Amino acid sequence: MPRFLTMIRIDEQNIPAEGPGPELEERMGALFEEITKAGVMLDTAGLTPTSAGTRVTWSDGKLSHTDGPFTEAKEVVGGYSIIQAKDKAEALEWARRFLQVHPDHWTVTAEVREITEG
């Protein structure tokens, strides 16, 4: 079965100050339990803010690095998951369900891409 990487994109400038809250954590926990029991979830995690990150760039034969935060980027990857699904449609369904556990006033984007094998 193919594997898929889902990158969760967020706008760090507009993260709700109140954080996720217990209701979201409960809904997220239930979804993660379901996807794990279904044998689909291989790995998932949130990421530290870009202020704690460093970008390494190769350009014109030279390496450079830039420490965060990366203010020029409106959306950044805030988390990821790697799942094993029968096809892209199933992977998209899990991504849809993940997004829908979030409160209506949040803006969260999931980018789903198949991992190439070989």
C-alpha atoms as a PDB file:
ATOM      1  CA  MET A   1       0.000   0.000   0.000  1.00  0.00           C
ATOM      2  CA  PRO A   2       1.249   3.491  -0.750  1.00  0.00           C
ATOM      3  CA  ARG A   3       2.419   5.842   1.966  1.00  0.00           C
ATOM      4  CA  PHE A   4       1.420   9.508   2.144  1.00  0.00           C
ATOM      5  CA  LEU A   5       2.952  12.514   3.860  1.00  0.00           C
ATOM      6  CA  THR A   6       0.487  15.076   5.147  1.00  0.00           C
ATOM      7  CA  MET A   7       1.999  18.456   5.997  1.00  0.00           C
ATOM      8  CA  ILE A   8      -0.173  20.592   8.234  1.00  0.00           C
ATOM      9  CA  ARG A   9       0.249  24.245   7.321  1.00  0.00           C
ATOM     10  CA  ILE A  10      -0.569  27.010   9.762  1.00  0.00           C
ATOM     11  CA  ASP A  11      -0.180  30.779   9.908  1.00  0.00           C
ATOM     12  CA  GLU A  12       2.077  31.287  12.931  1.00  0.00           C
ATOM     13  CA  GLN A  13       1.003  34.924  13.169  1.00  0.00           C
ATOM     14  CA  ASN A  14      -2.609  33.886  13.801  1.00  0.00           C
ATOM     15  CA  ILE A  15      -2.321  30.910  16.131  1.00  0.00           C
ATOM     16  CA  PRO A  16      -5.102  31.221  18.700  1.00  0.00           C
ATOM     17  CA  ALA A  17      -3.636  32.551  21.943  1.00  0.00           C
ATOM     18  CA  GLU A  18      -5.791  30.193  23.979  1.00  0.00           C
ATOM     19  CA  GLY A  19      -4.096  27.169  22.399  1.00  0.00           C
ATOM     20  CA  PRO A  20      -5.867  23.995  21.394  1.00  0.00           C
ATOM     21  CA  GLY A  21      -8.091  23.608  24.447  1.00  0.00           C
ATOM     22  CA  PRO A  22      -9.341  20.379  26.022  1.00  0.00           C
ATOM     23  CA  GLU A  23     -12.209  19.854  23.535  1.00  0.00           C
ATOM     24  CA  LEU A  24      -9.854  19.882  20.536  1.00  0.00           C
ATOM     25  CA  GLU A  25      -7.371  17.639  22.327  1.00  0.00           C
ATOM     26  CA  GLU A  26     -10.170  15.161  23.082  1.00  0.00           C
ATOM     27  CA  ARG A  27     -11.426  15.108  19.470  1.00  0.00           C
ATOM     28  CA  MET A  28      -7.854  14.831  18.158  1.00  0.00           C
ATOM     29  CA  GLY A  29      -7.091  11.986  20.563  1.00  0.00           C
ATOM     30  CA  ALA A  30     -10.178  10.067  19.429  1.00  0.00           C
ATOM     31  CA  LEU A  31      -9.256  10.509  15.757  1.00  0.00           C
ATOM     32  CA  PHE A  32      -5.645   9.443  16.377  1.00  0.00           C
ATOM     33  CA  GLU A  33      -6.872   6.376  18.263  1.00  0.00           C
ATOM     34  CA  GLU A  34      -9.181   5.467  15.376  1.00  0.00           C
ATOM     35  CA  ILE A  35      -6.563   5.954  12.637  1.00  0.00           C
ATOM     36  CA  THR A  36      -3.994   3.988  14.653  1.00  0.00           C
ATOM     37  CA  LYS A  37      -6.406   1.089  15.300  1.00  0.00           C
ATOM     38  CA  ALA A  38      -7.205   1.069  11.558  1.00  0.00           C
ATOM     39  CA  GLY A  39      -3.506   0.415  10.909  1.00  0.00           C
ATOM     40  CA  VAL A  40      -3.179   3.589   8.837  1.00  0.00           C
ATOM     41  CA  MET A  41      -1.042   5.896  11.029  1.00  0.00           C
ATOM     42  CA  LEU A  42       2.694   5.302  10.808  1.00  0.00           C
ATOM     43  CA  ASP A  43       3.981   8.509  12.434  1.00  0.00           C
ATOM     44  CA  THR A  44       2.747  11.971  13.400  1.00  0.00           C
ATOM     45  CA  ALA A  45       4.032  14.971  15.340  1.00  0.00           C
ATOM     46  CA  GLY A  46       3.737  18.692  15.736  1.00  0.00           C
ATOM     47  CA  LEU A  47       6.745  20.905  15.082  1.00  0.00           C
ATOM     48  CA  THR A  48       8.315  23.666  17.156  1.00  0.00           C
ATOM     49  CA  PRO A  49       7.706  27.232  15.947  1.00  0.00           C
ATOM     50  CA  THR A  50       9.883  28.606  13.151  1.00  0.00           C
ATOM     51  CA  SER A  51      11.567  30.822  15.751  1.00  0.00           C
ATOM     52  CA  ALA A  52      13.361  27.654  16.899  1.00  0.00           C
ATOM     53  CA  GLY A  53      14.214  26.497  13.367  1.00  0.00           C
ATOM     54  CA  THR A  54      16.978  27.058  10.842  1.00  0.00           C
ATOM     55  CA  ARG A  55      16.740  26.954   7.043  1.00  0.00           C
ATOM     56  CA  VAL A  56      19.751  25.642   5.166  1.00  0.00           C
ATOM     57  CA  THR A  57      19.960  26.693   1.501  1.00  0.00           C
ATOM     58  CA  TRP A  58      22.200  25.501  -1.336  1.00  0.00           C
ATOM     59  CA  SER A  59      22.501  28.206  -4.004  1.00  0.00           C
ATOM     60  CA  ASP A  60      25.223  29.026  -6.533  1.00  0.00           C
ATOM     61  CA  GLY A  61      27.449  26.316  -5.087  1.00  0.00           C
ATOM     62  CA  LYS A  62      27.310  27.729  -1.561  1.00  0.00           C
ATOM     63  CA  LEU A  63      25.515  26.790   1.640  1.00  0.00           C
ATOM     64  CA  SER A  64      23.850  29.424   3.752  1.00  0.00           C
ATOM     65  CA  HIS A  65      21.624  29.245   6.786  1.00  0.00           C
ATOM     66  CA  THR A  66      18.942  31.489   8.196  1.00  0.00           C
ATOM     67  CA  ASP A  67      17.686  31.219  11.750  1.00  0.00           C
ATOM     68  CA  GLY A  68      13.962  31.614  12.358  1.00  0.00           C
ATOM     69  CA  PRO A  69      11.469  33.024  12.708  1.00  0.00           C
ATOM     70  CA  PHE A  70      10.719  33.101   9.005  1.00  0.00           C
ATOM     71  CA  THR A  71       8.492  36.145   8.799  1.00  0.00           C
ATOM     72  CA  GLU A  72       8.378  36.163   4.999  1.00  0.00           C
ATOM     73  CA  ALA A  73       6.368  32.937   5.034  1.00  0.00           C
ATOM     74  CA  LYS A  74       2.665  33.356   5.768  1.00  0.00           C
ATOM     75  CA  GLU A  75       2.069  29.626   6.138  1.00  0.00           C
ATOM     76  CA  VAL A  76       4.563  27.206   7.641  1.00  0.00           C
ATOM     77  CA  VAL A  77       4.533  23.479   8.306  1.00  0.00           C
ATOM     78  CA  GLY A  78       3.322  23.101  11.885  1.00  0.00           C
ATOM     79  CA  GLY A  79       3.064  19.307  11.938  1.00  0.00           C
ATOM     80  CA  TYR A  80       3.006  16.201   9.807  1.00  0.00           C
ATOM     81  CA  SER A  81       1.765  12.671   9.549  1.00  0.00           C
ATOM     82  CA  ILE A  82       2.873   9.663   7.556  1.00  0.00           C
ATOM     83  CA  ILE A  83       0.079   7.231   6.805  1.00  0.00           C
ATOM     84  CA  GLN A  84      -0.316   4.078   4.769  1.00  0.00           C
ATOM     85  CA  ALA A  85      -3.564   4.125   2.815  1.00  0.00           C
ATOM     86  CA  LYS A  86      -5.014   2.071  -0.027  1.00  0.00           C
ATOM     87  CA  ASP A  87      -5.053   5.137  -2.298  1.00  0.00           C
ATOM     88  CA  LYS A  88      -4.988   8.933  -2.392  1.00  0.00           C
ATOM     89  CA  ALA A  89      -8.745   9.132  -1.863  1.00  0.00           C
ATOM     90  CA  GLU A  90      -8.409   7.375   1.495  1.00  0.00           C
ATOM     91  CA  ALA A  91      -5.464   9.609   2.463  1.00  0.00           C
ATOM     92  CA  LEU A  92      -7.528  12.695   1.603  1.00  0.00           C
ATOM     93  CA  GLU A  93     -10.447  11.404   3.667  1.00  0.00           C
ATOM     94  CA  TRP A  94      -8.229  11.097   6.755  1.00  0.00           C
ATOM     95  CA  ALA A  95      -6.837  14.611   6.108  1.00  0.00           C
ATOM     96  CA  ARG A  96     -10.389  15.973   5.804  1.00  0.00           C
ATOM     97  CA  ARG A  97     -11.368  14.374   9.086  1.00  0.00           C
ATOM     98  CA  PHE A  98      -8.244  15.764  10.783  1.00  0.00           C
ATOM     99  CA  LEU A  99      -9.040  19.300   9.618  1.00  0.00           C
ATOM    100  CA  GLN A 100     -12.664  19.052  10.726  1.00  0.00           C
ATOM    101  CA  VAL A 101     -11.774  18.364  14.369  1.00  0.00           C
ATOM    102  CA  HIS A 102     -10.421  21.938  14.571  1.00  0.00           C
ATOM    103  CA  PRO A 103     -12.661  24.828  15.666  1.00  0.00           C
ATOM    104  CA  ASP A 104     -14.402  26.712  12.861  1.00  0.00           C
ATOM    105  CA  HIS A 105     -12.489  29.934  13.524  1.00  0.00           C
ATOM    106  CA  TRP A 106      -9.064  28.282  12.949  1.00  0.00           C
ATOM    107  CA  THR A 107      -7.398  28.198   9.528  1.00  0.00           C
ATOM    108  CA  VAL A 108      -5.454  24.982   8.981  1.00  0.00           C
ATOM    109  CA  THR A 109      -4.369  23.513   5.634  1.00  0.00           C
ATOM    110  CA  ALA A 110      -3.325  19.928   4.923  1.00  0.00           C
ATOM    111  CA  GLU A 111      -1.079  19.174   1.968  1.00  0.00           C
ATOM    112  CA  VAL A 112      -1.232  15.465   1.106  1.00  0.00           C
ATOM    113  CA  ARG A 113       1.482  13.941  -1.089  1.00  0.00           C
ATOM    114  CA  GLU A 114       2.326  10.356  -1.924  1.00  0.00           C
ATOM    115  CA  ILE A 115       5.789   9.207  -0.890  1.00  0.00           C
ATOM    116  CA  THR A 116       7.706   7.805  -3.841  1.00  0.00           C
ATOM    117  CA  GLU A 117       9.128   4.363  -3.252  1.00  0.00           C
ATOM    118  CA  GLY A 118      12.446   3.146  -4.575  1.00  0.00           C
END
